[in-house]
Protein backbone atom coordinates (compact mmCIF):
# COMPACT_ATOMS: atom_id res chain seq x y z
CA MET A 1 -22.48 -57.05 -28.67
CA THR A 2 -20.18 -60.02 -28.74
CA ALA A 3 -19.22 -61.64 -25.55
CA ARG A 4 -15.88 -62.02 -23.97
CA LYS A 5 -14.38 -65.50 -23.78
CA PRO A 6 -12.17 -65.86 -21.72
CA LEU A 7 -7.95 -66.65 -22.32
CA PRO A 8 -6.66 -69.47 -22.40
CA VAL A 9 -4.68 -70.22 -19.47
CA ASP A 10 -1.50 -71.66 -21.83
CA LEU A 11 -1.30 -68.42 -23.48
CA ILE A 12 -1.47 -66.50 -20.42
CA ASP A 13 1.29 -68.65 -19.21
CA ALA A 14 3.06 -68.04 -22.35
CA LEU A 15 2.80 -64.42 -22.22
CA LEU A 16 4.23 -64.24 -18.80
CA ALA A 17 6.90 -66.34 -18.78
CA ASP A 18 9.60 -63.94 -19.16
CA TYR A 19 7.99 -61.83 -16.58
CA LYS A 20 10.93 -61.33 -14.11
CA LYS A 21 9.73 -57.72 -12.51
CA PRO A 22 6.77 -54.99 -12.90
CA GLU A 23 8.37 -53.40 -15.58
CA ASP A 24 8.15 -56.28 -17.53
CA LEU A 25 4.44 -55.81 -17.34
CA ILE A 26 3.56 -52.09 -16.98
CA GLY A 27 6.62 -50.33 -18.37
CA GLU A 28 7.27 -48.68 -21.31
CA GLU A 29 8.39 -51.62 -23.59
CA GLY A 30 6.06 -53.80 -20.90
CA LEU A 31 3.51 -56.37 -22.31
CA LEU A 32 0.69 -54.52 -21.15
CA LYS A 33 1.91 -51.88 -23.37
CA GLN A 34 2.88 -53.85 -26.80
CA LEU A 35 -0.85 -55.87 -25.65
CA THR A 36 -2.46 -52.10 -26.45
CA LYS A 37 -0.37 -50.20 -29.25
CA ALA A 38 -3.40 -49.18 -31.92
């Protein structure tokens, strides 16, 4: 197995730039759903 590399801080900042409320991150159309789609 390969070791996981940490995400660059700039990438995290860009992904969370429009975060305003919890639903933006964990809601039905939130970032987490978008990143974990099959």
